[in-house]
Amino acid sequence: MADAPKKQASTASEEDIHENKLWAAIGYLGILFLIPLLGKKDSPYAQYHGKQGFVLFIAWVVLGFISWIPILGWIVGLLGTIGLFIIWLFGIMNVLGGRMEPLPLIGQYADQLKF
């Protein structure tokens, strides 16, 4: 069977991607995911990456709470931090490359958000 193209939550025009790369990248900087979500409602590209950034932010918060647990939480926190940093890099590379691909492991949850 031939490889099917990856499903994208929505599509964005080349003009939208070009004009909103900075807004989309800001979406991956912690709580700043709110900026593209609230400030660029007319841009599918910025909205997509804002939602991906939101899910990544929630993962960081959950990991922060887990890392408070002595010993096992510290280990999970360290490994999780490395993993989330790598996922964050994927997000930034997607933005700079003009792609709307879900983040590994957690990006599928952003597609389910309806705001």
PDB file of N, CA and C in Angstrom:
ATOM      1  N   MET A   1       0.842  -1.173   0.000  1.00  0.00           N
ATOM      2  CA  MET A   1       0.000   0.000   0.000  1.00  0.00           C
ATOM      3  C   MET A   1       0.891   1.241   0.000  1.00  0.00           C
ATOM      4  N   ALA A   2       0.565   2.222  -0.772  1.00  0.00           N
ATOM      5  CA  ALA A   2       1.356   3.453  -0.852  1.00  0.00           C
ATOM      6  C   ALA A   2       1.201   4.255   0.427  1.00  0.00           C
ATOM      7  N   ASP A   3       2.248   4.987   0.745  1.00  0.00           N
ATOM      8  CA  ASP A   3       2.196   5.834   1.938  1.00  0.00           C
ATOM      9  C   ASP A   3       1.174   6.946   1.734  1.00  0.00           C
ATOM     10  N   ALA A   4       0.262   7.060   2.682  1.00  0.00           N
ATOM     11  CA  ALA A   4      -0.727   8.135   2.634  1.00  0.00           C
ATOM     12  C   ALA A   4      -0.113   9.397   3.206  1.00  0.00           C
ATOM     13  N   PRO A   5      -0.497  10.554   2.708  1.00  0.00           N
ATOM     14  CA  PRO A   5       0.038  11.788   3.281  1.00  0.00           C
ATOM     15  C   PRO A   5      -0.467  11.969   4.708  1.00  0.00           C
ATOM     16  N   LYS A   6       0.333  12.658   5.515  1.00  0.00           N
ATOM     17  CA  LYS A   6      -0.045  12.889   6.897  1.00  0.00           C
ATOM     18  C   LYS A   6      -1.259  13.794   6.949  1.00  0.00           C
ATOM     19  N   LYS A   7      -2.183  13.459   7.837  1.00  0.00           N
ATOM     20  CA  LYS A   7      -3.392  14.258   7.996  1.00  0.00           C
ATOM     21  C   LYS A   7      -3.046  15.563   8.698  1.00  0.00           C
ATOM     22  N   GLN A   8      -3.536  16.640   8.169  1.00  0.00           N
ATOM     23  CA  GLN A   8      -3.336  17.939   8.782  1.00  0.00           C
ATOM     24  C   GLN A   8      -4.677  18.452   9.256  1.00  0.00           C
ATOM     25  N   ALA A   9      -4.664  19.131  10.404  1.00  0.00           N
ATOM     26  CA  ALA A   9      -5.894  19.628  10.997  1.00  0.00           C
ATOM     27  C   ALA A   9      -6.559  20.641  10.071  1.00  0.00           C
ATOM     28  N   SER A  10      -5.809  21.458   9.425  1.00  0.00           N
ATOM     29  CA  SER A  10      -6.327  22.439   8.490  1.00  0.00           C
ATOM     30  C   SER A  10      -5.194  22.808   7.544  1.00  0.00           C
ATOM     31  N   THR A  11      -5.538  23.570   6.548  1.00  0.00           N
ATOM     32  CA  THR A  11      -4.517  23.993   5.620  1.00  0.00           C
ATOM     33  C   THR A  11      -4.385  25.506   5.680  1.00  0.00           C
ATOM     34  N   ALA A  12      -3.234  25.968   5.324  1.00  0.00           N
ATOM     35  CA  ALA A  12      -2.963  27.397   5.318  1.00  0.00           C
ATOM     36  C   ALA A  12      -2.387  27.768   3.966  1.00  0.00           C
ATOM     37  N   SER A  13      -2.705  28.945   3.509  1.00  0.00           N
ATOM     38  CA  SER A  13      -2.171  29.410   2.238  1.00  0.00           C
ATOM     39  C   SER A  13      -0.698  29.781   2.403  1.00  0.00           C
ATOM     40  N   GLU A  14       0.001  29.843   1.300  1.00  0.00           N
ATOM     41  CA  GLU A  14       1.410  30.242   1.340  1.00  0.00           C
ATOM     42  C   GLU A  14       1.549  31.654   1.915  1.00  0.00           C
ATOM     43  N   GLU A  15       0.606  32.511   1.594  1.00  0.00           N
ATOM     44  CA  GLU A  15       0.632  33.880   2.109  1.00  0.00           C
ATOM     45  C   GLU A  15       0.456  33.886   3.634  1.00  0.00           C
ATOM     46  N   ASP A  16      -0.475  33.064   4.127  1.00  0.00           N
ATOM     47  CA  ASP A  16      -0.701  32.964   5.570  1.00  0.00           C
ATOM     48  C   ASP A  16       0.558  32.476   6.275  1.00  0.00           C
ATOM     49  N   ILE A  17       1.184  31.456   5.719  1.00  0.00           N
ATOM     50  CA  ILE A  17       2.405  30.908   6.317  1.00  0.00           C
ATOM     51  C   ILE A  17       3.496  31.964   6.345  1.00  0.00           C
ATOM     52  N   HIS A  18       3.701  32.634   5.229  1.00  0.00           N
ATOM     53  CA  HIS A  18       4.760  33.642   5.138  1.00  0.00           C
ATOM     54  C   HIS A  18       4.531  34.794   6.115  1.00  0.00           C
ATOM     55  N   GLU A  19       3.305  35.263   6.219  1.00  0.00           N
ATOM     56  CA  GLU A  19       3.001  36.411   7.073  1.00  0.00           C
ATOM     57  C   GLU A  19       2.972  36.079   8.565  1.00  0.00           C
ATOM     58  N   ASN A  20       2.752  34.823   8.917  1.00  0.00           N
ATOM     59  CA  ASN A  20       2.502  34.491  10.320  1.00  0.00           C
ATOM     60  C   ASN A  20       3.500  33.514  10.933  1.00  0.00           C
ATOM     61  N   LYS A  21       4.663  33.345  10.324  1.00  0.00           N
ATOM     62  CA  LYS A  21       5.680  32.449  10.899  1.00  0.00           C
ATOM     63  C   LYS A  21       6.115  32.910  12.286  1.00  0.00           C
ATOM     64  N   LEU A  22       6.336  34.200  12.455  1.00  0.00           N
ATOM     65  CA  LEU A  22       6.754  34.712  13.761  1.00  0.00           C
ATOM     66  C   LEU A  22       5.676  34.469  14.808  1.00  0.00           C
ATOM     67  N   TRP A  23       4.430  34.747  14.459  1.00  0.00           N
ATOM     68  CA  TRP A  23       3.322  34.516  15.390  1.00  0.00           C
ATOM     69  C   TRP A  23       3.254  33.038  15.774  1.00  0.00           C
ATOM     70  N   ALA A  24       3.412  32.162  14.796  1.00  0.00           N
ATOM     71  CA  ALA A  24       3.356  30.721  15.057  1.00  0.00           C
ATOM     72  C   ALA A  24       4.513  30.284  15.950  1.00  0.00           C
ATOM     73  N   ALA A  25       5.705  30.819  15.715  1.00  0.00           N
ATOM     74  CA  ALA A  25       6.866  30.455  16.538  1.00  0.00           C
ATOM     75  C   ALA A  25       6.689  30.914  17.976  1.00  0.00           C
ATOM     76  N   ILE A  26       6.081  32.074  18.170  1.00  0.00           N
ATOM     77  CA  ILE A  26       5.830  32.565  19.530  1.00  0.00           C
ATOM     78  C   ILE A  26       4.950  31.577  20.301  1.00  0.00           C
ATOM     79  N   GLY A  27       4.108  30.851  19.586  1.00  0.00           N
ATOM     80  CA  GLY A  27       3.228  29.870  20.217  1.00  0.00           C
ATOM     81  C   GLY A  27       3.953  28.749  20.938  1.00  0.00           C
ATOM     82  N   TYR A  28       5.228  28.574  20.672  1.00  0.00           N
ATOM     83  CA  TYR A  28       6.002  27.520  21.331  1.00  0.00           C
ATOM     84  C   TYR A  28       6.831  28.038  22.507  1.00  0.00           C
ATOM     85  N   LEU A  29       6.624  29.272  22.900  1.00  0.00           N
ATOM     86  CA  LEU A  29       7.405  29.865  23.990  1.00  0.00           C
ATOM     87  C   LEU A  29       6.582  29.942  25.271  1.00  0.00           C
ATOM     88  N   GLY A  30       6.272  28.787  25.820  1.00  0.00           N
ATOM     89  CA  GLY A  30       5.562  28.715  27.101  1.00  0.00           C
ATOM     90  C   GLY A  30       4.175  29.314  27.029  1.00  0.00           C
ATOM     91  N   ILE A  31       3.849  30.133  28.027  1.00  0.00           N
ATOM     92  CA  ILE A  31       2.516  30.726  28.137  1.00  0.00           C
ATOM     93  C   ILE A  31       2.207  31.650  26.964  1.00  0.00           C
ATOM     94  N   LEU A  32       3.211  32.005  26.191  1.00  0.00           N
ATOM     95  CA  LEU A  32       2.996  32.881  25.039  1.00  0.00           C
ATOM     96  C   LEU A  32       2.194  32.210  23.929  1.00  0.00           C
ATOM     97  N   PHE A  33       1.824  30.946  24.101  1.00  0.00           N
ATOM     98  CA  PHE A  33       0.937  30.305  23.136  1.00  0.00           C
ATOM     99  C   PHE A  33      -0.367  31.086  23.008  1.00  0.00           C
ATOM    100  N   LEU A  34      -0.686  31.864  24.042  1.00  0.00           N
ATOM    101  CA  LEU A  34      -1.912  32.665  24.019  1.00  0.00           C
ATOM    102  C   LEU A  34      -1.867  33.753  22.945  1.00  0.00           C
ATOM    103  N   ILE A  35      -0.697  34.232  22.613  1.00  0.00           N
ATOM    104  CA  ILE A  35      -0.584  35.329  21.646  1.00  0.00           C
ATOM    105  C   ILE A  35      -1.126  34.927  20.271  1.00  0.00           C
ATOM    106  N   PRO A  36      -0.682  33.814  19.669  1.00  0.00           N
ATOM    107  CA  PRO A  36      -1.279  33.461  18.378  1.00  0.00           C
ATOM    108  C   PRO A  36      -2.736  33.012  18.505  1.00  0.00           C
ATOM    109  N   LEU A  37      -3.086  32.376  19.623  1.00  0.00           N
ATOM    110  CA  LEU A  37      -4.464  31.912  19.774  1.00  0.00           C
ATOM    111  C   LEU A  37      -5.445  33.072  19.884  1.00  0.00           C
ATOM    112  N   LEU A  38      -5.053  34.125  20.579  1.00  0.00           N
ATOM    113  CA  LEU A  38      -5.953  35.259  20.770  1.00  0.00           C
ATOM    114  C   LEU A  38      -5.737  36.379  19.761  1.00  0.00           C
ATOM    115  N   GLY A  39      -4.507  36.524  19.279  1.00  0.00           N
ATOM    116  CA  GLY A  39      -4.190  37.644  18.412  1.00  0.00           C
ATOM    117  C   GLY A  39      -4.288  37.377  16.928  1.00  0.00           C
ATOM    118  N   LYS A  40      -4.300  36.117  16.537  1.00  0.00           N
ATOM    119  CA  LYS A  40      -4.321  35.777  15.110  1.00  0.00           C
ATOM    120  C   LYS A  40      -5.411  34.764  14.807  1.00  0.00           C
ATOM    121  N   LYS A  41      -6.624  35.089  15.190  1.00  0.00           N
ATOM    122  CA  LYS A  41      -7.748  34.181  14.965  1.00  0.00           C
ATOM    123  C   LYS A  41      -8.045  33.954  13.485  1.00  0.00           C
ATOM    124  N   ASP A  42      -7.597  34.862  12.631  1.00  0.00           N
ATOM    125  CA  ASP A  42      -7.841  34.749  11.197  1.00  0.00           C
ATOM    126  C   ASP A  42      -6.780  33.926  10.466  1.00  0.00           C
ATOM    127  N   SER A  43      -5.767  33.445  11.182  1.00  0.00           N
ATOM    128  CA  SER A  43      -4.677  32.701  10.561  1.00  0.00           C
ATOM    129  C   SER A  43      -4.716  31.229  10.968  1.00  0.00           C
ATOM    130  N   PRO A  44      -5.085  30.346  10.045  1.00  0.00           N
ATOM    131  CA  PRO A  44      -5.070  28.915  10.382  1.00  0.00           C
ATOM    132  C   PRO A  44      -3.679  28.430  10.788  1.00  0.00           C
ATOM    133  N   TYR A  45      -2.643  29.020  10.189  1.00  0.00           N
ATOM    134  CA  TYR A  45      -1.268  28.609  10.485  1.00  0.00           C
ATOM    135  C   TYR A  45      -0.885  28.965  11.919  1.00  0.00           C
ATOM    136  N   ALA A  46      -1.128  30.197  12.323  1.00  0.00           N
ATOM    137  CA  ALA A  46      -0.804  30.622  13.689  1.00  0.00           C
ATOM    138  C   ALA A  46      -1.672  29.890  14.703  1.00  0.00           C
ATOM    139  N   GLN A  47      -2.945  29.676  14.383  1.00  0.00           N
ATOM    140  CA  GLN A  47      -3.833  28.957  15.289  1.00  0.00           C
ATOM    141  C   GLN A  47      -3.358  27.515  15.492  1.00  0.00           C
ATOM    142  N   TYR A  48      -2.988  26.858  14.405  1.00  0.00           N
ATOM    143  CA  TYR A  48      -2.522  25.474  14.486  1.00  0.00           C
ATOM    144  C   TYR A  48      -1.324  25.367  15.422  1.00  0.00           C
ATOM    145  N   HIS A  49      -0.334  26.223  15.228  1.00  0.00           N
ATOM    146  CA  HIS A  49       0.867  26.142  16.053  1.00  0.00           C
ATOM    147  C   HIS A  49       0.619  26.661  17.460  1.00  0.00           C
ATOM    148  N   GLY A  50      -0.311  27.584  17.634  1.00  0.00           N
ATOM    149  CA  GLY A  50      -0.695  28.017  18.974  1.00  0.00           C
ATOM    150  C   GLY A  50      -1.300  26.867  19.770  1.00  0.00           C
ATOM    151  N   LYS A  51      -2.134  26.066  19.114  1.00  0.00           N
ATOM    152  CA  LYS A  51      -2.727  24.900  19.780  1.00  0.00           C
ATOM    153  C   LYS A  51      -1.669  23.849  20.104  1.00  0.00           C
ATOM    154  N   GLN A  52      -0.734  23.638  19.181  1.00  0.00           N
ATOM    155  CA  GLN A  52       0.360  22.710  19.449  1.00  0.00           C
ATOM    156  C   GLN A  52       1.181  23.202  20.643  1.00  0.00           C
ATOM    157  N   GLY A  53       1.444  24.508  20.690  1.00  0.00           N
ATOM    158  CA  GLY A  53       2.172  25.101  21.810  1.00  0.00           C
ATOM    159  C   GLY A  53       1.423  24.965  23.121  1.00  0.00           C
ATOM    160  N   PHE A  54       0.088  25.079  23.078  1.00  0.00           N
ATOM    161  CA  PHE A  54      -0.737  24.907  24.271  1.00  0.00           C
ATOM    162  C   PHE A  54      -0.575  23.495  24.839  1.00  0.00           C
ATOM    163  N   VAL A  55      -0.666  22.500  23.987  1.00  0.00           N
ATOM    164  CA  VAL A  55      -0.524  21.111  24.436  1.00  0.00           C
ATOM    165  C   VAL A  55       0.881  20.874  24.992  1.00  0.00           C
ATOM    166  N   LEU A  56       1.881  21.437  24.351  1.00  0.00           N
ATOM    167  CA  LEU A  56       3.253  21.312  24.850  1.00  0.00           C
ATOM    168  C   LEU A  56       3.394  21.987  26.207  1.00  0.00           C
ATOM    169  N   PHE A  57       2.786  23.144  26.375  1.00  0.00           N
ATOM    170  CA  PHE A  57       2.818  23.855  27.657  1.00  0.00           C
ATOM    171  C   PHE A  57       2.174  23.016  28.763  1.00  0.00           C
ATOM    172  N   ILE A  58       1.033  22.413  28.477  1.00  0.00           N
ATOM    173  CA  ILE A  58       0.357  21.550  29.464  1.00  0.00           C
ATOM    174  C   ILE A  58       1.260  20.375  29.825  1.00  0.00           C
ATOM    175  N   ALA A  59       1.934  19.801  28.853  1.00  0.00           N
ATOM    176  CA  ALA A  59       2.863  18.694  29.127  1.00  0.00           C
ATOM    177  C   ALA A  59       3.991  19.149  30.048  1.00  0.00           C
ATOM    178  N   TRP A  60       4.521  20.370  29.834  1.00  0.00           N
ATOM    179  CA  TRP A  60       5.573  20.906  30.712  1.00  0.00           C
ATOM    180  C   TRP A  60       5.050  21.071  32.137  1.00  0.00           C
ATOM    181  N   VAL A  61       3.825  21.564  32.284  1.00  0.00           N
ATOM    182  CA  VAL A  61       3.245  21.774  33.619  1.00  0.00           C
ATOM    183  C   VAL A  61       3.073  20.440  34.335  1.00  0.00           C
ATOM    184  N   VAL A  62       2.523  19.459  33.648  1.00  0.00           N
ATOM    185  CA  VAL A  62       2.339  18.126  34.245  1.00  0.00           C
ATOM    186  C   VAL A  62       3.693  17.545  34.639  1.00  0.00           C
ATOM    187  N   LEU A  63       4.663  17.674  33.774  1.00  0.00           N
ATOM    188  CA  LEU A  63       6.007  17.174  34.076  1.00  0.00           C
ATOM    189  C   LEU A  63       6.593  17.886  35.290  1.00  0.00           C
ATOM    190  N   GLY A  64       6.329  19.173  35.418  1.00  0.00           N
ATOM    191  CA  GLY A  64       6.806  19.925  36.577  1.00  0.00           C
ATOM    192  C   GLY A  64       6.250  19.369  37.884  1.00  0.00           C
ATOM    193  N   PHE A  65       4.966  19.031  37.893  1.00  0.00           N
ATOM    194  CA  PHE A  65       4.367  18.446  39.094  1.00  0.00           C
ATOM    195  C   PHE A  65       4.936  17.065  39.386  1.00  0.00           C
ATOM    196  N   ILE A  66       5.133  16.269  38.343  1.00  0.00           N
ATOM    197  CA  ILE A  66       5.696  14.927  38.533  1.00  0.00           C
ATOM    198  C   ILE A  66       7.104  15.009  39.099  1.00  0.00           C
ATOM    199  N   SER A  67       7.872  16.006  38.675  1.00  0.00           N
ATOM    200  CA  SER A  67       9.263  16.108  39.120  1.00  0.00           C
ATOM    201  C   SER A  67       9.387  16.494  40.589  1.00  0.00           C
ATOM    202  N   TRP A  68       8.306  16.867  41.228  1.00  0.00           N
ATOM    203  CA  TRP A  68       8.342  17.133  42.672  1.00  0.00           C
ATOM    204  C   TRP A  68       8.420  15.854  43.494  1.00  0.00           C
ATOM    205  N   ILE A  69       8.068  14.728  42.901  1.00  0.00           N
ATOM    206  CA  ILE A  69       8.100  13.452  43.612  1.00  0.00           C
ATOM    207  C   ILE A  69       9.562  13.038  43.779  1.00  0.00           C
ATOM    208  N   PRO A  70       9.984  12.766  44.999  1.00  0.00           N
ATOM    209  CA  PRO A  70      11.394  12.399  45.207  1.00  0.00           C
ATOM    210  C   PRO A  70      11.815  11.157  44.422  1.00  0.00           C
ATOM    211  N   ILE A  71      12.998  11.132  43.998  1.00  0.00           N
ATOM    212  CA  ILE A  71      13.743  10.098  43.287  1.00  0.00           C
ATOM    213  C   ILE A  71      13.089   9.694  41.969  1.00  0.00           C
ATOM    214  N   LEU A  72      11.990   8.930  41.990  1.00  0.00           N
ATOM    215  CA  LEU A  72      11.369   8.486  40.739  1.00  0.00           C
ATOM    216  C   LEU A  72      10.882   9.685  39.930  1.00  0.00           C
ATOM    217  N   GLY A  73      10.274  10.654  40.590  1.00  0.00           N
ATOM    218  CA  GLY A  73       9.807  11.853  39.903  1.00  0.00           C
ATOM    219  C   GLY A  73      10.959  12.652  39.325  1.00  0.00           C
ATOM    220  N   TRP A  74      12.080  12.679  40.023  1.00  0.00           N
ATOM    221  CA  TRP A  74      13.250  13.396  39.528  1.00  0.00           C
ATOM    222  C   TRP A  74      13.776  12.760  38.246  1.00  0.00           C
ATOM    223  N   ILE A  75      13.799  11.441  38.245  1.00  0.00           N
ATOM    224  CA  ILE A  75      14.276  10.717  37.061  1.00  0.00           C
ATOM    225  C   ILE A  75      13.329  10.946  35.889  1.00  0.00           C
ATOM    226  N   VAL A  76      12.017  10.786  36.155  1.00  0.00           N
ATOM    227  CA  VAL A  76      11.023  11.011  35.105  1.00  0.00           C
ATOM    228  C   VAL A  76      11.089  12.467  34.638  1.00  0.00           C
ATOM    229  N   GLY A  77      11.274  13.375  35.589  1.00  0.00           N
ATOM    230  CA  GLY A  77      11.371  14.793  35.245  1.00  0.00           C
ATOM    231  C   GLY A  77      12.548  15.086  34.337  1.00  0.00           C
ATOM    232  N   LEU A  78      13.684  14.507  34.632  1.00  0.00           N
ATOM    233  CA  LEU A  78      14.875  14.718  33.812  1.00  0.00           C
ATOM    234  C   LEU A  78      14.680  14.158  32.405  1.00  0.00           C
ATOM    235  N   LEU A  79      14.230  12.909  32.327  1.00  0.00           N
ATOM    236  CA  LEU A  79      14.024  12.290  31.010  1.00  0.00           C
ATOM    237  C   LEU A  79      12.910  12.998  30.241  1.00  0.00           C
ATOM    238  N   GLY A  80      11.851  13.382  30.959  1.00  0.00           N
ATOM    239  CA  GLY A  80      10.753  14.098  30.331  1.00  0.00           C
ATOM    240  C   GLY A  80      11.174  15.452  29.809  1.00  0.00           C
ATOM    241  N   THR A  81      12.023  16.138  30.563  1.00  0.00           N
ATOM    242  CA  THR A  81      12.518  17.441  30.118  1.00  0.00           C
ATOM    243  C   THR A  81      13.310  17.302  28.818  1.00  0.00           C
ATOM    244  N   ILE A  82      14.138  16.296  28.744  1.00  0.00           N
ATOM    245  CA  ILE A  82      14.896  16.052  27.512  1.00  0.00           C
ATOM    246  C   ILE A  82      13.940  15.743  26.361  1.00  0.00           C
ATOM    247  N   GLY A  83      12.965  14.884  26.626  1.00  0.00           N
ATOM    248  CA  GLY A  83      11.990  14.524  25.592  1.00  0.00           C
ATOM    249  C   GLY A  83      11.167  15.711  25.124  1.00  0.00           C
ATOM    250  N   LEU A  84      10.678  16.519  26.060  1.00  0.00           N
ATOM    251  CA  LEU A  84       9.874  17.679  25.682  1.00  0.00           C
ATOM    252  C   LEU A  84      10.706  18.734  24.959  1.00  0.00           C
ATOM    253  N   PHE A  85      11.980  18.840  25.307  1.00  0.00           N
ATOM    254  CA  PHE A  85      12.844  19.767  24.587  1.00  0.00           C
ATOM    255  C   PHE A  85      12.984  19.336  23.128  1.00  0.00           C
ATOM    256  N   ILE A  86      13.133  18.031  22.907  1.00  0.00           N
ATOM    257  CA  ILE A  86      13.240  17.515  21.537  1.00  0.00           C
ATOM    258  C   ILE A  86      11.936  17.755  20.779  1.00  0.00           C
ATOM    259  N   ILE A  87      10.798  17.537  21.444  1.00  0.00           N
ATOM    260  CA  ILE A  87       9.498  17.794  20.816  1.00  0.00           C
ATOM    261  C   ILE A  87       9.353  19.281  20.497  1.00  0.00           C
ATOM    262  N   TRP A  88       9.814  20.141  21.412  1.00  0.00           N
ATOM    263  CA  TRP A  88       9.780  21.591  21.179  1.00  0.00           C
ATOM    264  C   TRP A  88      10.587  21.957  19.932  1.00  0.00           C
ATOM    265  N   LEU A  89      11.754  21.319  19.776  1.00  0.00           N
ATOM    266  CA  LEU A  89      12.567  21.566  18.577  1.00  0.00           C
ATOM    267  C   LEU A  89      11.824  21.179  17.304  1.00  0.00           C
ATOM    268  N   PHE A  90      11.086  20.057  17.358  1.00  0.00           N
ATOM    269  CA  PHE A  90      10.282  19.654  16.205  1.00  0.00           C
ATOM    270  C   PHE A  90       9.261  20.738  15.871  1.00  0.00           C
ATOM    271  N   GLY A  91       8.628  21.300  16.893  1.00  0.00           N
ATOM    272  CA  GLY A  91       7.653  22.359  16.663  1.00  0.00           C
ATOM    273  C   GLY A  91       8.266  23.570  16.008  1.00  0.00           C
ATOM    274  N   ILE A  92       9.415  24.011  16.512  1.00  0.00           N
ATOM    275  CA  ILE A  92      10.087  25.164  15.934  1.00  0.00           C
ATOM    276  C   ILE A  92      10.510  24.873  14.494  1.00  0.00           C
ATOM    277  N   MET A  93      11.011  23.676  14.241  1.00  0.00           N
ATOM    278  CA  MET A  93      11.418  23.313  12.875  1.00  0.00           C
ATOM    279  C   MET A  93      10.208  23.281  11.940  1.00  0.00           C
ATOM    280  N   ASN A  94       9.065  22.815  12.438  1.00  0.00           N
ATOM    281  CA  ASN A  94       7.852  22.814  11.623  1.00  0.00           C
ATOM    282  C   ASN A  94       7.441  24.236  11.259  1.00  0.00           C
ATOM    283  N   VAL A  95       7.486  25.137  12.234  1.00  0.00           N
ATOM    284  CA  VAL A  95       7.119  26.532  11.965  1.00  0.00           C
ATOM    285  C   VAL A  95       8.049  27.127  10.918  1.00  0.00           C
ATOM    286  N   LEU A  96       9.335  27.008  11.131  1.00  0.00           N
ATOM    287  CA  LEU A  96      10.301  27.614  10.216  1.00  0.00           C
ATOM    288  C   LEU A  96      10.258  26.985   8.825  1.00  0.00           C
ATOM    289  N   GLY A  97       9.852  25.713   8.771  1.00  0.00           N
ATOM    290  CA  GLY A  97       9.737  25.022   7.487  1.00  0.00           C
ATOM    291  C   GLY A  97       8.386  25.228   6.819  1.00  0.00           C
ATOM    292  N   GLY A  98       7.485  25.953   7.465  1.00  0.00           N
ATOM    293  CA  GLY A  98       6.171  26.206   6.882  1.00  0.00           C
ATOM    294  C   GLY A  98       5.259  24.992   6.878  1.00  0.00           C
ATOM    295  N   ARG A  99       5.489  24.058   7.795  1.00  0.00           N
ATOM    296  CA  ARG A  99       4.701  22.819   7.847  1.00  0.00           C
ATOM    297  C   ARG A  99       3.667  22.871   8.972  1.00  0.00           C
ATOM    298  N   MET A 100       2.578  22.168   8.768  1.00  0.00           N
ATOM    299  CA  MET A 100       1.547  22.011   9.792  1.00  0.00           C
ATOM    300  C   MET A 100       1.434  20.525  10.134  1.00  0.00           C
ATOM    301  N   GLU A 101       2.454  20.015  10.808  1.00  0.00           N
ATOM    302  CA  GLU A 101       2.501  18.607  11.194  1.00  0.00           C
ATOM    303  C   GLU A 101       2.392  18.524  12.711  1.00  0.00           C
ATOM    304  N   PRO A 102       1.648  17.540  13.216  1.00  0.00           N
ATOM    305  CA  PRO A 102       1.518  17.425  14.671  1.00  0.00           C
ATOM    306  C   PRO A 102       2.838  17.063  15.340  1.00  0.00           C
ATOM    307  N   LEU A 103       3.008  17.555  16.551  1.00  0.00           N
ATOM    308  CA  LEU A 103       4.201  17.221  17.332  1.00  0.00           C
ATOM    309  C   LEU A 103       4.194  15.735  17.659  1.00  0.00           C
ATOM    310  N   PRO A 104       5.362  15.123  17.740  1.00  0.00           N
ATOM    311  CA  PRO A 104       5.419  13.702  18.108  1.00  0.00           C
ATOM    312  C   PRO A 104       4.802  13.473  19.494  1.00  0.00           C
ATOM    313  N   LEU A 105       4.083  12.408  19.640  1.00  0.00           N
ATOM    314  CA  LEU A 105       3.472  11.929  20.880  1.00  0.00           C
ATOM    315  C   LEU A 105       2.321  12.777  21.409  1.00  0.00           C
ATOM    316  N   ILE A 106       2.412  14.083  21.378  1.00  0.00           N
ATOM    317  CA  ILE A 106       1.388  14.922  22.013  1.00  0.00           C
ATOM    318  C   ILE A 106       0.595  15.766  21.028  1.00  0.00           C
ATOM    319  N   GLY A 107       1.040  15.890  19.813  1.00  0.00           N
ATOM    320  CA  GLY A 107       0.393  16.771  18.849  1.00  0.00           C
ATOM    321  C   GLY A 107      -1.019  16.360  18.472  1.00  0.00           C
ATOM    322  N   GLN A 108      -1.321  15.086  18.582  1.00  0.00           N
ATOM    323  CA  GLN A 108      -2.652  14.609  18.218  1.00  0.00           C
ATOM    324  C   GLN A 108      -3.735  15.223  19.107  1.00  0.00           C
ATOM    325  N   TYR A 109      -3.366  15.588  20.318  1.00  0.00           N
ATOM    326  CA  TYR A 109      -4.346  16.176  21.238  1.00  0.00           C
ATOM    327  C   TYR A 109      -4.713  17.604  20.840  1.00  0.00           C
ATOM    328  N   ALA A 110      -3.804  18.309  20.207  1.00  0.00           N
ATOM    329  CA  ALA A 110      -4.070  19.674  19.766  1.00  0.00           C
ATOM    330  C   ALA A 110      -5.128  19.688  18.664  1.00  0.00           C
ATOM    331  N   ASP A 111      -5.161  18.647  17.838  1.00  0.00           N
ATOM    332  CA  ASP A 111      -6.153  18.569  16.764  1.00  0.00           C
ATOM    333  C   ASP A 111      -7.572  18.473  17.309  1.00  0.00           C
ATOM    334  N   GLN A 112      -7.721  18.047  18.546  1.00  0.00           N
ATOM    335  CA  GLN A 112      -9.039  17.881  19.157  1.00  0.00           C
ATOM    336  C   GLN A 112      -9.544  19.150  19.821  1.00  0.00           C
ATOM    337  N   LEU A 113      -8.690  20.159  19.951  1.00  0.00           N
ATOM    338  CA  LEU A 113      -9.100  21.410  20.597  1.00  0.00           C
ATOM    339  C   LEU A 113     -10.004  22.207  19.665  1.00  0.00           C
ATOM    340  N   LYS A 114     -11.057  22.768  20.228  1.00  0.00           N
ATOM    341  CA  LYS A 114     -12.050  23.493  19.413  1.00  0.00           C
ATOM    342  C   LYS A 114     -12.153  24.955  19.824  1.00  0.00           C
ATOM    343  N   PHE A 115     -11.047  25.623  20.035  1.00  0.00           N
ATOM    344  CA  PHE A 115     -11.113  27.056  20.364  1.00  0.00           C
ATOM    345  C   PHE A 115     -10.240  27.847  19.437  1.00  0.00           C
TER     346      PHE A 115
END
